[in-house]
C-alpha atoms as a PDB file:
ATOM      1  CA  MET A   1       0.167   0.061  -0.093  1.00  0.00           C
ATOM      2  CA  LYS A   2       2.952   2.651   0.920  1.00  0.00           C
ATOM      3  CA  LYS A   3       4.347   1.724  -2.336  1.00  0.00           C
ATOM      4  CA  ASN A   4       1.194   2.615  -4.298  1.00  0.00           C
ATOM      5  CA  ILE A   5       0.891   5.842  -2.565  1.00  0.00           C
ATOM      6  CA  GLU A   6       4.693   6.749  -3.453  1.00  0.00           C
ATOM      7  CA  ILE A   7       3.745   5.884  -6.921  1.00  0.00           C
ATOM      8  CA  ILE A   8       0.665   8.199  -7.050  1.00  0.00           C
ATOM      9  CA  ASN A   9       2.697  10.950  -5.477  1.00  0.00           C
ATOM     10  CA  MET A  10       5.361  10.694  -8.234  1.00  0.00           C
ATOM     11  CA  LEU A  11       2.947  10.339 -10.880  1.00  0.00           C
ATOM     12  CA  LYS A  12       1.336  13.701  -9.539  1.00  0.00           C
ATOM     13  CA  ARG A  13       4.578  15.515 -10.113  1.00  0.00           C
ATOM     14  CA  ASP A  14       5.438  13.657 -13.552  1.00  0.00           C
ATOM     15  CA  GLY A  15       2.895  11.754 -15.385  1.00  0.00           C
ATOM     16  CA  LEU A  16       5.449  10.329 -17.763  1.00  0.00           C
ATOM     17  CA  TYR A  17       6.579   8.163 -14.904  1.00  0.00           C
ATOM     18  CA  VAL A  18       3.827   5.714 -15.838  1.00  0.00           C
ATOM     19  CA  GLN A  19       6.309   4.513 -18.710  1.00  0.00           C
ATOM     20  CA  THR A  20       8.314   2.910 -15.801  1.00  0.00           C
ATOM     21  CA  ILE A  21       5.549   0.987 -14.371  1.00  0.00           C
ATOM     22  CA  SER A  22       4.866  -2.470 -16.105  1.00  0.00           C
ATOM     23  CA  PHE A  23       1.361  -2.767 -17.647  1.00  0.00           C
ATOM     24  CA  GLU A  24       0.124  -5.269 -15.294  1.00  0.00           C
ATOM     25  CA  ASN A  25       0.696  -2.823 -12.381  1.00  0.00           C
ATOM     26  CA  GLN A  26      -1.108  -0.092 -13.940  1.00  0.00           C
ATOM     27  CA  THR A  27      -3.999   0.603 -11.868  1.00  0.00           C
ATOM     28  CA  GLN A  28      -6.903   2.552 -12.809  1.00  0.00           C
ATOM     29  CA  GLU A  29      -5.668   5.205 -10.181  1.00  0.00           C
ATOM     30  CA  ILE A  30      -2.010   5.137 -11.420  1.00  0.00           C
ATOM     31  CA  LYS A  31      -3.268   5.640 -15.039  1.00  0.00           C
ATOM     32  CA  LEU A  32      -5.677   8.443 -13.934  1.00  0.00           C
ATOM     33  CA  SER A  33      -2.965  10.240 -11.895  1.00  0.00           C
ATOM     34  CA  SER A  34      -0.415  10.043 -14.946  1.00  0.00           C
ATOM     35  CA  VAL A  35      -2.980  11.416 -17.366  1.00  0.00           C
ATOM     36  CA  LYS A  36      -4.369  14.284 -15.052  1.00  0.00           C
ATOM     37  CA  GLN A  37      -0.641  15.372 -14.671  1.00  0.00           C
ATOM     38  CA  ASN A  38       0.207  14.998 -18.502  1.00  0.00           C
ATOM     39  CA  GLY A  39      -1.944  13.823 -21.161  1.00  0.00           C
ATOM     40  CA  TYR A  40       0.780  12.532 -23.248  1.00  0.00           C
ATOM     41  CA  ALA A  41       1.118   9.629 -20.468  1.00  0.00           C
ATOM     42  CA  LEU A  42      -1.702   8.284 -22.465  1.00  0.00           C
ATOM     43  CA  LYS A  43       0.799   6.909 -24.739  1.00  0.00           C
ATOM     44  CA  PHE A  44       2.323   4.464 -22.122  1.00  0.00           C
ATOM     45  CA  ILE A  45      -0.990   3.039 -21.079  1.00  0.00           C
ATOM     46  CA  LYS A  46      -1.903  -0.114 -22.810  1.00  0.00           C
ATOM     47  CA  GLU A  47      -5.461  -0.822 -21.401  1.00  0.00           C
ATOM     48  CA  GLN A  48      -7.168   2.348 -21.824  1.00  0.00           C
ATOM     49  CA  ASN A  49     -10.599   3.160 -20.990  1.00  0.00           C
ATOM     50  CA  PHE A  50     -13.225   6.103 -21.554  1.00  0.00           C
ATOM     51  CA  GLU A  51     -12.402   7.842 -18.243  1.00  0.00           C
ATOM     52  CA  ILE A  52      -8.604   7.558 -18.584  1.00  0.00           C
ATOM     53  CA  CYS A  53      -8.927   8.831 -22.392  1.00  0.00           C
ATOM     54  CA  LEU A  54     -11.180  11.623 -21.439  1.00  0.00           C
ATOM     55  CA  GLU A  55      -8.921  12.775 -18.595  1.00  0.00           C
ATOM     56  CA  ALA A  56      -5.809  12.684 -20.834  1.00  0.00           C
ATOM     57  CA  VAL A  57      -7.287  14.977 -23.730  1.00  0.00           C
ATOM     58  CA  LYS A  58      -8.704  17.402 -20.979  1.00  0.00           C
ATOM     59  CA  THR A  59      -5.182  17.803 -19.898  1.00  0.00           C
ATOM     60  CA  SER A  60      -3.796  17.933 -23.399  1.00  0.00           C
ATOM     61  CA  ALA A  61      -6.140  17.975 -26.373  1.00  0.00           C
ATOM     62  CA  LEU A  62      -3.338  16.622 -28.829  1.00  0.00           C
ATOM     63  CA  SER A  63      -2.755  13.544 -26.545  1.00  0.00           C
ATOM     64  CA  PHE A  64      -5.889  12.503 -28.518  1.00  0.00           C
ATOM     65  CA  GLN A  65      -3.176  10.782 -30.945  1.00  0.00           C
ATOM     66  CA  PHE A  66      -2.761   8.214 -28.456  1.00  0.00           C
ATOM     67  CA  VAL A  67      -6.320   7.111 -27.695  1.00  0.00           C
ATOM     68  CA  LYS A  68      -6.745   3.457 -28.815  1.00  0.00           C
ATOM     69  CA  LYS A  69      -9.955   3.466 -30.675  1.00  0.00           C
ATOM     70  CA  GLU A  70     -10.241  -0.463 -30.138  1.00  0.00           C
ATOM     71  CA  CYS A  71     -10.481   0.134 -26.304  1.00  0.00           C
ATOM     72  CA  LEU A  72     -13.749   2.340 -26.720  1.00  0.00           C
ATOM     73  CA  ASP A  73     -17.310   2.007 -28.358  1.00  0.00           C
ATOM     74  CA  LYS A  74     -18.037   4.532 -31.176  1.00  0.00           C
ATOM     75  CA  GLU A  75     -19.902   6.964 -28.885  1.00  0.00           C
ATOM     76  CA  GLU A  76     -17.136   6.984 -26.446  1.00  0.00           C
ATOM     77  CA  TYR A  77     -14.659   7.828 -29.088  1.00  0.00           C
ATOM     78  CA  GLU A  78     -16.639  10.569 -30.512  1.00  0.00           C
ATOM     79  CA  ILE A  79     -17.158  12.268 -26.962  1.00  0.00           C
ATOM     80  CA  ILE A  80     -13.367  12.029 -26.466  1.00  0.00           C
ATOM     81  CA  TYR A  81     -12.782  13.361 -29.855  1.00  0.00           C
ATOM     82  CA  GLU A  82     -15.158  16.364 -29.375  1.00  0.00           C
ATOM     83  CA  THR A  83     -13.578  17.210 -25.991  1.00  0.00           C
ATOM     84  CA  ALA A  84     -10.269  17.311 -27.608  1.00  0.00           C
ATOM     85  CA  VAL A  85     -11.549  19.533 -30.620  1.00  0.00           C
ATOM     86  CA  LYS A  86     -13.160  21.937 -28.053  1.00  0.00           C
ATOM     87  CA  LYS A  87     -10.114  22.212 -26.227  1.00  0.00           C
ATOM     88  CA  ASN A  88      -7.721  22.527 -29.406  1.00  0.00           C
ATOM     89  CA  LYS A  89      -9.033  23.018 -32.827  1.00  0.00           C
ATOM     90  CA  LEU A  90      -5.817  21.571 -34.260  1.00  0.00           C
ATOM     91  CA  VAL A  91      -6.919  18.110 -33.350  1.00  0.00           C
ATOM     92  CA  LYS A  92      -9.791  18.459 -36.024  1.00  0.00           C
ATOM     93  CA  LYS A  93      -6.885  19.555 -38.567  1.00  0.00           C
ATOM     94  CA  PHE A  94      -4.859  16.487 -37.930  1.00  0.00           C
ATOM     95  CA  TYR A  95      -7.201  13.809 -36.940  1.00  0.00           C
ATOM     96  CA  SER A  96     -10.642  12.533 -38.052  1.00  0.00           C
ATOM     97  CA  ILE A  97     -13.003  10.030 -36.269  1.00  0.00           C
ATOM     98  CA  LYS A  98     -13.943   8.866 -39.637  1.00  0.00           C
ATOM     99  CA  ASP A  99     -10.612   6.772 -39.942  1.00  0.00           C
END
């Protein structure tokens, strides 16, 4: 338990620290802490879900590029896309949900 708290505290300072944590040890709390600090941490999260992806694009809209479409249903993917576009119009220029 103490180790988990230390990891969460580290992630709150540097979300990219998640890349040093094995995929099987990436809990929901670890994933959320990392993307809330740095949306680009999504790149290092293998098992994504709606909540994690949404938090990532809220933190950094361009982290949309790391959203794994296959981890989401169509409606969730569209919501994440629209959230990213609202935050940064460049997302629409570079990415399309029709892909």
